[in-house]
């Protein structure tokens, strides 16, 4: 495991955002480290070769964001994500995956990950994802993430709770939830509902508190798990 991190609390040199890379393929791990360090706002906190190293490094280095591969030796990315999110809720996890890992991605999001990227994503998309989750938002790409979550969630035969946690929401709050489930960004929600972006952020904070979720991703998962999505038509 390599480390090039000197900051505390998730901030690296000169206030840069600290990123931990968890990837077992040497070439890809090195490439991701170089990509992160090429951005003036980011810095590589460290690099882990398996999930166990990622958990240990996240606890010691306190990065802001972890880029987490799913299939790794010793401890896979799903288990590592669950441990990191339980122990360090301030650390954001972005899953690195491929199209054939729908089930694993869904479970990782339920474990607390803030989103996911395909391994063949453009470099600028990877950097944007890191900034997005660092800013407290989820990386939910409308064309990919919503489809994968929706298709897998609807296929699962999970018991549904008798009382939906969404029942206590106001009509406007339900409108915002529907927009989030559709994969809309804050700007798109503001335009669709004729709200300011500041008001949208206020609604999001209120929804997270009422529903007991940490971010947009967890809200979407809850909407599917509870069966609330079915009521949206």
C-alpha atoms as a PDB file:
ATOM      1  CA  UNK A   1       0.000   0.000   0.000  1.00  0.00           C
ATOM      2  CA  UNK A   2       1.364   3.427  -0.910  1.00  0.00           C
ATOM      3  CA  UNK A   3       0.740   6.705   0.890  1.00  0.00           C
ATOM      4  CA  UNK A   4       1.420  10.284  -0.175  1.00  0.00           C
ATOM      5  CA  UNK A   5      -0.896  12.143   2.204  1.00  0.00           C
ATOM      6  CA  UNK A   6       0.067  14.819   4.667  1.00  0.00           C
ATOM      7  CA  UNK A   7      -3.232  16.450   5.573  1.00  0.00           C
ATOM      8  CA  UNK A   8      -5.760  15.776   8.319  1.00  0.00           C
ATOM      9  CA  UNK A   9      -9.528  15.296   8.288  1.00  0.00           C
ATOM     10  CA  UNK A  10      -9.755  14.493   4.594  1.00  0.00           C
ATOM     11  CA  UNK A  11      -7.841  17.558   3.367  1.00  0.00           C
ATOM     12  CA  UNK A  12      -4.468  17.094   1.733  1.00  0.00           C
ATOM     13  CA  UNK A  13      -1.639  19.473   0.878  1.00  0.00           C
ATOM     14  CA  UNK A  14      -2.790  23.100   0.589  1.00  0.00           C
ATOM     15  CA  UNK A  15      -6.383  22.168   1.308  1.00  0.00           C
ATOM     16  CA  UNK A  16      -6.727  19.670  -1.544  1.00  0.00           C
ATOM     17  CA  UNK A  17      -9.362  16.921  -1.288  1.00  0.00           C
ATOM     18  CA  UNK A  18      -7.814  13.660  -0.088  1.00  0.00           C
ATOM     19  CA  UNK A  19      -8.709  10.571  -2.162  1.00  0.00           C
ATOM     20  CA  UNK A  20      -7.963   6.939  -1.274  1.00  0.00           C
ATOM     21  CA  UNK A  21      -7.687   4.550  -4.254  1.00  0.00           C
ATOM     22  CA  UNK A  22      -8.726   0.930  -3.570  1.00  0.00           C
ATOM     23  CA  UNK A  23      -7.959  -1.193  -6.644  1.00  0.00           C
ATOM     24  CA  UNK A  24      -6.168  -4.537  -6.929  1.00  0.00           C
ATOM     25  CA  UNK A  25      -4.966  -4.098 -10.533  1.00  0.00           C
ATOM     26  CA  UNK A  26      -1.565  -2.407 -10.364  1.00  0.00           C
ATOM     27  CA  UNK A  27      -1.788  -0.561 -13.670  1.00  0.00           C
ATOM     28  CA  UNK A  28      -5.261   0.819 -13.045  1.00  0.00           C
ATOM     29  CA  UNK A  29      -4.406   1.767  -9.461  1.00  0.00           C
ATOM     30  CA  UNK A  30      -1.365   3.699 -10.636  1.00  0.00           C
ATOM     31  CA  UNK A  31      -3.351   5.386 -13.402  1.00  0.00           C
ATOM     32  CA  UNK A  32      -6.053   6.481 -10.965  1.00  0.00           C
ATOM     33  CA  UNK A  33      -3.471   7.902  -8.568  1.00  0.00           C
ATOM     34  CA  UNK A  34      -1.872   9.869 -11.396  1.00  0.00           C
ATOM     35  CA  UNK A  35      -5.266  11.123 -12.535  1.00  0.00           C
ATOM     36  CA  UNK A  36      -6.212  12.339  -9.054  1.00  0.00           C
ATOM     37  CA  UNK A  37      -2.871  14.076  -8.576  1.00  0.00           C
ATOM     38  CA  UNK A  38      -3.214  15.825 -11.944  1.00  0.00           C
ATOM     39  CA  UNK A  39      -6.133  17.831 -10.565  1.00  0.00           C
ATOM     40  CA  UNK A  40      -5.115  20.920  -8.556  1.00  0.00           C
ATOM     41  CA  UNK A  41      -8.058  20.439  -6.170  1.00  0.00           C
ATOM     42  CA  UNK A  42      -7.315  16.778  -5.366  1.00  0.00           C
ATOM     43  CA  UNK A  43      -4.507  14.713  -3.891  1.00  0.00           C
ATOM     44  CA  UNK A  44      -3.995  10.968  -3.534  1.00  0.00           C
ATOM     45  CA  UNK A  45      -4.307  10.074   0.153  1.00  0.00           C
ATOM     46  CA  UNK A  46      -3.104   6.518  -0.371  1.00  0.00           C
ATOM     47  CA  UNK A  47      -3.574   3.404  -2.465  1.00  0.00           C
ATOM     48  CA  UNK A  48      -4.902   0.048  -1.242  1.00  0.00           C
ATOM     49  CA  UNK A  49      -4.663  -3.323  -2.990  1.00  0.00           C
ATOM     50  CA  UNK A  50      -7.607  -4.994  -1.255  1.00  0.00           C
ATOM     51  CA  UNK A  51     -10.604  -4.191   0.915  1.00  0.00           C
ATOM     52  CA  UNK A  52      -8.856  -4.837   4.212  1.00  0.00           C
ATOM     53  CA  UNK A  53      -6.096  -2.390   3.328  1.00  0.00           C
ATOM     54  CA  UNK A  54      -8.764   0.129   2.267  1.00  0.00           C
ATOM     55  CA  UNK A  55     -10.554  -0.113   5.632  1.00  0.00           C
ATOM     56  CA  UNK A  56      -7.294   0.283   7.554  1.00  0.00           C
ATOM     57  CA  UNK A  57      -6.093   3.180   5.405  1.00  0.00           C
ATOM     58  CA  UNK A  58      -9.429   4.993   5.574  1.00  0.00           C
ATOM     59  CA  UNK A  59      -9.323   4.859   9.360  1.00  0.00           C
ATOM     60  CA  UNK A  60      -5.747   6.074   9.581  1.00  0.00           C
ATOM     61  CA  UNK A  61      -5.665   8.670   6.798  1.00  0.00           C
ATOM     62  CA  UNK A  62      -9.216  10.056   7.012  1.00  0.00           C
ATOM     63  CA  UNK A  63      -9.610  10.786   3.277  1.00  0.00           C
ATOM     64  CA  UNK A  64     -12.643  12.673   2.022  1.00  0.00           C
ATOM     65  CA  UNK A  65     -13.391  10.170  -0.751  1.00  0.00           C
ATOM     66  CA  UNK A  66     -12.589   6.518  -1.460  1.00  0.00           C
ATOM     67  CA  UNK A  67     -12.631   5.163  -5.011  1.00  0.00           C
ATOM     68  CA  UNK A  68     -13.503   1.515  -4.322  1.00  0.00           C
ATOM     69  CA  UNK A  69     -13.205  -1.436  -6.662  1.00  0.00           C
ATOM     70  CA  UNK A  70     -15.749  -4.229  -6.055  1.00  0.00           C
ATOM     71  CA  UNK A  71     -13.789  -7.361  -6.870  1.00  0.00           C
ATOM     72  CA  UNK A  72     -10.655  -7.448  -4.712  1.00  0.00           C
ATOM     73  CA  UNK A  73      -8.863 -10.157  -2.716  1.00  0.00           C
ATOM     74  CA  UNK A  74      -8.870 -10.615   1.100  1.00  0.00           C
ATOM     75  CA  UNK A  75     -11.953  -8.397   1.552  1.00  0.00           C
ATOM     76  CA  UNK A  76     -14.092  -7.321  -1.394  1.00  0.00           C
ATOM     77  CA  UNK A  77     -15.196  -3.765  -2.035  1.00  0.00           C
ATOM     78  CA  UNK A  78     -18.749  -4.402  -0.845  1.00  0.00           C
ATOM     79  CA  UNK A  79     -17.631  -5.525   2.614  1.00  0.00           C
ATOM     80  CA  UNK A  80     -15.047  -2.745   2.818  1.00  0.00           C
ATOM     81  CA  UNK A  81     -17.653  -0.140   1.876  1.00  0.00           C
ATOM     82  CA  UNK A  82     -19.997  -1.328   4.608  1.00  0.00           C
ATOM     83  CA  UNK A  83     -17.283  -1.158   7.267  1.00  0.00           C
ATOM     84  CA  UNK A  84     -16.004   2.266   6.205  1.00  0.00           C
ATOM     85  CA  UNK A  85     -19.484   3.787   6.024  1.00  0.00           C
ATOM     86  CA  UNK A  86     -20.424   2.376   9.430  1.00  0.00           C
ATOM     87  CA  UNK A  87     -17.227   3.509  11.151  1.00  0.00           C
ATOM     88  CA  UNK A  88     -16.646   6.772   9.284  1.00  0.00           C
ATOM     89  CA  UNK A  89     -19.877   8.256   7.908  1.00  0.00           C
ATOM     90  CA  UNK A  90     -18.060  11.426   6.847  1.00  0.00           C
ATOM     91  CA  UNK A  91     -15.950   9.456   4.352  1.00  0.00           C
ATOM     92  CA  UNK A  92     -17.648   9.174   0.957  1.00  0.00           C
ATOM     93  CA  UNK A  93     -17.291   5.999  -1.106  1.00  0.00           C
ATOM     94  CA  UNK A  94     -17.605   5.853  -4.885  1.00  0.00           C
ATOM     95  CA  UNK A  95     -17.773   2.360  -6.371  1.00  0.00           C
ATOM     96  CA  UNK A  96     -15.746   1.457  -9.463  1.00  0.00           C
ATOM     97  CA  UNK A  97     -17.556  -1.218 -11.441  1.00  0.00           C
ATOM     98  CA  UNK A  98     -18.600  -2.650 -14.806  1.00  0.00           C
ATOM     99  CA  UNK A  99     -22.026  -3.249 -16.366  1.00  0.00           C
ATOM    100  CA  UNK A 100     -22.103  -6.911 -15.297  1.00  0.00           C
ATOM    101  CA  UNK A 101     -22.074  -6.111 -11.560  1.00  0.00           C
ATOM    102  CA  UNK A 102     -25.606  -4.787 -11.051  1.00  0.00           C
ATOM    103  CA  UNK A 103     -26.302  -6.758  -7.875  1.00  0.00           C
ATOM    104  CA  UNK A 104     -23.018  -5.838  -6.252  1.00  0.00           C
ATOM    105  CA  UNK A 105     -23.477  -2.166  -7.081  1.00  0.00           C
ATOM    106  CA  UNK A 106     -26.962  -2.133  -5.583  1.00  0.00           C
ATOM    107  CA  UNK A 107     -25.768  -3.764  -2.378  1.00  0.00           C
ATOM    108  CA  UNK A 108     -22.834  -1.359  -2.141  1.00  0.00           C
ATOM    109  CA  UNK A 109     -25.190   1.608  -2.399  1.00  0.00           C
ATOM    110  CA  UNK A 110     -27.319   0.113   0.355  1.00  0.00           C
ATOM    111  CA  UNK A 111     -24.148  -0.273   2.411  1.00  0.00           C
ATOM    112  CA  UNK A 112     -23.607   3.476   2.251  1.00  0.00           C
ATOM    113  CA  UNK A 113     -21.717   4.251  -0.953  1.00  0.00           C
ATOM    114  CA  UNK A 114     -22.485   7.647  -2.430  1.00  0.00           C
ATOM    115  CA  UNK A 115     -22.559   6.422  -6.014  1.00  0.00           C
ATOM    116  CA  UNK A 116     -20.600   4.543  -8.619  1.00  0.00           C
ATOM    117  CA  UNK A 117     -18.620   4.909 -11.799  1.00  0.00           C
ATOM    118  CA  UNK A 118     -17.910   2.545 -14.650  1.00  0.00           C
ATOM    119  CA  UNK A 119     -14.240   1.662 -14.948  1.00  0.00           C
ATOM    120  CA  UNK A 120     -14.192   2.964 -18.512  1.00  0.00           C
ATOM    121  CA  UNK A 121     -15.534   6.379 -17.464  1.00  0.00           C
ATOM    122  CA  UNK A 122     -13.807   9.411 -18.968  1.00  0.00           C
ATOM    123  CA  UNK A 123     -11.127  10.936 -16.726  1.00  0.00           C
ATOM    124  CA  UNK A 124     -13.092  14.159 -16.347  1.00  0.00           C
ATOM    125  CA  UNK A 125     -16.137  12.153 -15.175  1.00  0.00           C
ATOM    126  CA  UNK A 126     -14.080  10.444 -12.486  1.00  0.00           C
ATOM    127  CA  UNK A 127     -12.752  13.772 -11.240  1.00  0.00           C
ATOM    128  CA  UNK A 128     -16.236  15.282 -11.311  1.00  0.00           C
ATOM    129  CA  UNK A 129     -17.599  12.334  -9.320  1.00  0.00           C
ATOM    130  CA  UNK A 130     -15.004  12.868  -6.603  1.00  0.00           C
ATOM    131  CA  UNK A 131     -15.951  16.530  -6.278  1.00  0.00           C
ATOM    132  CA  UNK A 132     -19.661  15.711  -6.375  1.00  0.00           C
ATOM    133  CA  UNK A 133     -19.583  13.311  -3.435  1.00  0.00           C
ATOM    134  CA  UNK A 134     -17.148  15.504  -1.526  1.00  0.00           C
ATOM    135  CA  UNK A 135     -19.714  18.306  -1.769  1.00  0.00           C
ATOM    136  CA  UNK A 136     -22.297  16.054  -0.109  1.00  0.00           C
ATOM    137  CA  UNK A 137     -24.174  14.926  -3.210  1.00  0.00           C
ATOM    138  CA  UNK A 138     -24.614  11.454  -4.664  1.00  0.00           C
ATOM    139  CA  UNK A 139     -23.155  10.432  -8.021  1.00  0.00           C
ATOM    140  CA  UNK A 140     -26.347   9.219  -9.680  1.00  0.00           C
ATOM    141  CA  UNK A 141     -25.907   9.244 -13.442  1.00  0.00           C
ATOM    142  CA  UNK A 142     -29.492   9.297 -14.781  1.00  0.00           C
ATOM    143  CA  UNK A 143     -28.853   6.999 -17.786  1.00  0.00           C
ATOM    144  CA  UNK A 144     -26.944   4.354 -15.848  1.00  0.00           C
ATOM    145  CA  UNK A 145     -27.452   4.455 -12.099  1.00  0.00           C
ATOM    146  CA  UNK A 146     -31.217   4.921 -12.091  1.00  0.00           C
ATOM    147  CA  UNK A 147     -31.684   2.025 -14.551  1.00  0.00           C
ATOM    148  CA  UNK A 148     -29.431  -0.335 -12.619  1.00  0.00           C
ATOM    149  CA  UNK A 149     -30.954   0.434  -9.243  1.00  0.00           C
ATOM    150  CA  UNK A 150     -34.511   0.332 -10.555  1.00  0.00           C
ATOM    151  CA  UNK A 151     -34.201  -2.904 -12.514  1.00  0.00           C
ATOM    152  CA  UNK A 152     -32.473  -4.782  -9.736  1.00  0.00           C
ATOM    153  CA  UNK A 153     -34.660  -3.413  -6.953  1.00  0.00           C
ATOM    154  CA  UNK A 154     -37.870  -4.317  -8.763  1.00  0.00           C
ATOM    155  CA  UNK A 155     -36.634  -7.845  -9.394  1.00  0.00           C
ATOM    156  CA  UNK A 156     -35.787  -8.509  -5.763  1.00  0.00           C
ATOM    157  CA  UNK A 157     -38.460 -10.211  -3.695  1.00  0.00           C
ATOM    158  CA  UNK A 158     -37.897  -8.348  -0.437  1.00  0.00           C
ATOM    159  CA  UNK A 159     -40.535  -7.968   2.270  1.00  0.00           C
ATOM    160  CA  UNK A 160     -41.967  -4.456   2.371  1.00  0.00           C
ATOM    161  CA  UNK A 161     -42.604  -2.635   5.660  1.00  0.00           C
ATOM    162  CA  UNK A 162     -46.253  -2.169   6.553  1.00  0.00           C
ATOM    163  CA  UNK A 163     -45.956   1.587   6.926  1.00  0.00           C
ATOM    164  CA  UNK A 164     -44.055   3.655   4.391  1.00  0.00           C
ATOM    165  CA  UNK A 165     -41.716   6.274   5.867  1.00  0.00           C
ATOM    166  CA  UNK A 166     -42.782   8.523   3.000  1.00  0.00           C
ATOM    167  CA  UNK A 167     -46.332   8.820   4.298  1.00  0.00           C
ATOM    168  CA  UNK A 168     -45.530  11.771   6.554  1.00  0.00           C
ATOM    169  CA  UNK A 169     -44.069  13.895   3.755  1.00  0.00           C
ATOM    170  CA  UNK A 170     -45.776  17.002   2.442  1.00  0.00           C
ATOM    171  CA  UNK A 171     -46.960  17.123  -1.176  1.00  0.00           C
ATOM    172  CA  UNK A 172     -44.024  19.340  -2.142  1.00  0.00           C
ATOM    173  CA  UNK A 173     -41.568  17.028  -0.439  1.00  0.00           C
ATOM    174  CA  UNK A 174     -43.024  14.107  -2.386  1.00  0.00           C
ATOM    175  CA  UNK A 175     -42.510  16.103  -5.590  1.00  0.00           C
ATOM    176  CA  UNK A 176     -38.848  16.501  -4.710  1.00  0.00           C
ATOM    177  CA  UNK A 177     -38.543  12.788  -3.927  1.00  0.00           C
ATOM    178  CA  UNK A 178     -40.055  11.912  -7.313  1.00  0.00           C
ATOM    179  CA  UNK A 179     -37.545  14.179  -9.038  1.00  0.00           C
ATOM    180  CA  UNK A 180     -34.636  12.598  -7.156  1.00  0.00           C
ATOM    181  CA  UNK A 181     -35.794   9.101  -8.107  1.00  0.00           C
ATOM    182  CA  UNK A 182     -35.812  10.252 -11.747  1.00  0.00           C
ATOM    183  CA  UNK A 183     -32.149  11.180 -11.387  1.00  0.00           C
ATOM    184  CA  UNK A 184     -32.575  14.952 -11.594  1.00  0.00           C
ATOM    185  CA  UNK A 185     -29.816  17.257 -10.373  1.00  0.00           C
ATOM    186  CA  UNK A 186     -30.515  20.119  -7.974  1.00  0.00           C
ATOM    187  CA  UNK A 187     -30.594  22.528 -10.897  1.00  0.00           C
ATOM    188  CA  UNK A 188     -33.057  20.360 -12.812  1.00  0.00           C
ATOM    189  CA  UNK A 189     -35.310  19.992  -9.759  1.00  0.00           C
ATOM    190  CA  UNK A 190     -35.285  23.759  -9.244  1.00  0.00           C
ATOM    191  CA  UNK A 191     -36.319  24.357 -12.862  1.00  0.00           C
ATOM    192  CA  UNK A 192     -38.994  21.644 -12.892  1.00  0.00           C
ATOM    193  CA  UNK A 193     -40.613  22.719  -9.610  1.00  0.00           C
ATOM    194  CA  UNK A 194     -40.035  26.469  -9.996  1.00  0.00           C
ATOM    195  CA  UNK A 195     -37.826  26.662  -6.918  1.00  0.00           C
ATOM    196  CA  UNK A 196     -34.505  28.299  -6.188  1.00  0.00           C
ATOM    197  CA  UNK A 197     -31.469  26.056  -5.828  1.00  0.00           C
ATOM    198  CA  UNK A 198     -31.168  27.148  -2.194  1.00  0.00           C
ATOM    199  CA  UNK A 199     -34.754  26.024  -1.574  1.00  0.00           C
ATOM    200  CA  UNK A 200     -34.034  22.661  -3.196  1.00  0.00           C
ATOM    201  CA  UNK A 201     -31.074  22.183  -0.855  1.00  0.00           C
ATOM    202  CA  UNK A 202     -33.316  23.011   2.094  1.00  0.00           C
ATOM    203  CA  UNK A 203     -35.846  20.410   0.969  1.00  0.00           C
ATOM    204  CA  UNK A 204     -33.077  17.821   0.595  1.00  0.00           C
ATOM    205  CA  UNK A 205     -31.763  18.446   4.104  1.00  0.00           C
ATOM    206  CA  UNK A 206     -35.287  18.171   5.499  1.00  0.00           C
ATOM    207  CA  UNK A 207     -35.960  14.945   3.584  1.00  0.00           C
ATOM    208  CA  UNK A 208     -32.712  13.341   4.739  1.00  0.00           C
ATOM    209  CA  UNK A 209     -33.612  14.142   8.342  1.00  0.00           C
ATOM    210  CA  UNK A 210     -37.212  12.928   8.092  1.00  0.00           C
ATOM    211  CA  UNK A 211     -36.324   9.707   6.298  1.00  0.00           C
ATOM    212  CA  UNK A 212     -33.162   8.953   8.252  1.00  0.00           C
ATOM    213  CA  UNK A 213     -30.901   8.720   5.192  1.00  0.00           C
ATOM    214  CA  UNK A 214     -27.464  10.212   4.614  1.00  0.00           C
ATOM    215  CA  UNK A 215     -27.725  11.303   0.977  1.00  0.00           C
ATOM    216  CA  UNK A 216     -29.657  11.090  -2.307  1.00  0.00           C
ATOM    217  CA  UNK A 217     -28.473   7.572  -3.046  1.00  0.00           C
ATOM    218  CA  UNK A 218     -29.794   6.224   0.232  1.00  0.00           C
ATOM    219  CA  UNK A 219     -33.080   8.049  -0.365  1.00  0.00           C
ATOM    220  CA  UNK A 220     -33.484   6.327  -3.737  1.00  0.00           C
ATOM    221  CA  UNK A 221     -32.695   2.941  -2.214  1.00  0.00           C
ATOM    222  CA  UNK A 222     -35.260   3.526   0.536  1.00  0.00           C
ATOM    223  CA  UNK A 223     -37.865   4.546  -2.031  1.00  0.00           C
ATOM    224  CA  UNK A 224     -37.434   1.209  -3.825  1.00  0.00           C
ATOM    225  CA  UNK A 225     -37.081  -0.919  -0.695  1.00  0.00           C
ATOM    226  CA  UNK A 226     -40.265   0.495   0.845  1.00  0.00           C
ATOM    227  CA  UNK A 227     -42.277   0.136  -2.347  1.00  0.00           C
ATOM    228  CA  UNK A 228     -42.843   3.888  -2.504  1.00  0.00           C
ATOM    229  CA  UNK A 229     -41.625   4.019  -6.120  1.00  0.00           C
ATOM    230  CA  UNK A 230     -44.647   1.960  -7.155  1.00  0.00           C
ATOM    231  CA  UNK A 231     -46.928   4.792  -6.051  1.00  0.00           C
ATOM    232  CA  UNK A 232     -45.162   7.267  -8.307  1.00  0.00           C
ATOM    233  CA  UNK A 233     -46.555   5.621 -11.390  1.00  0.00           C
END
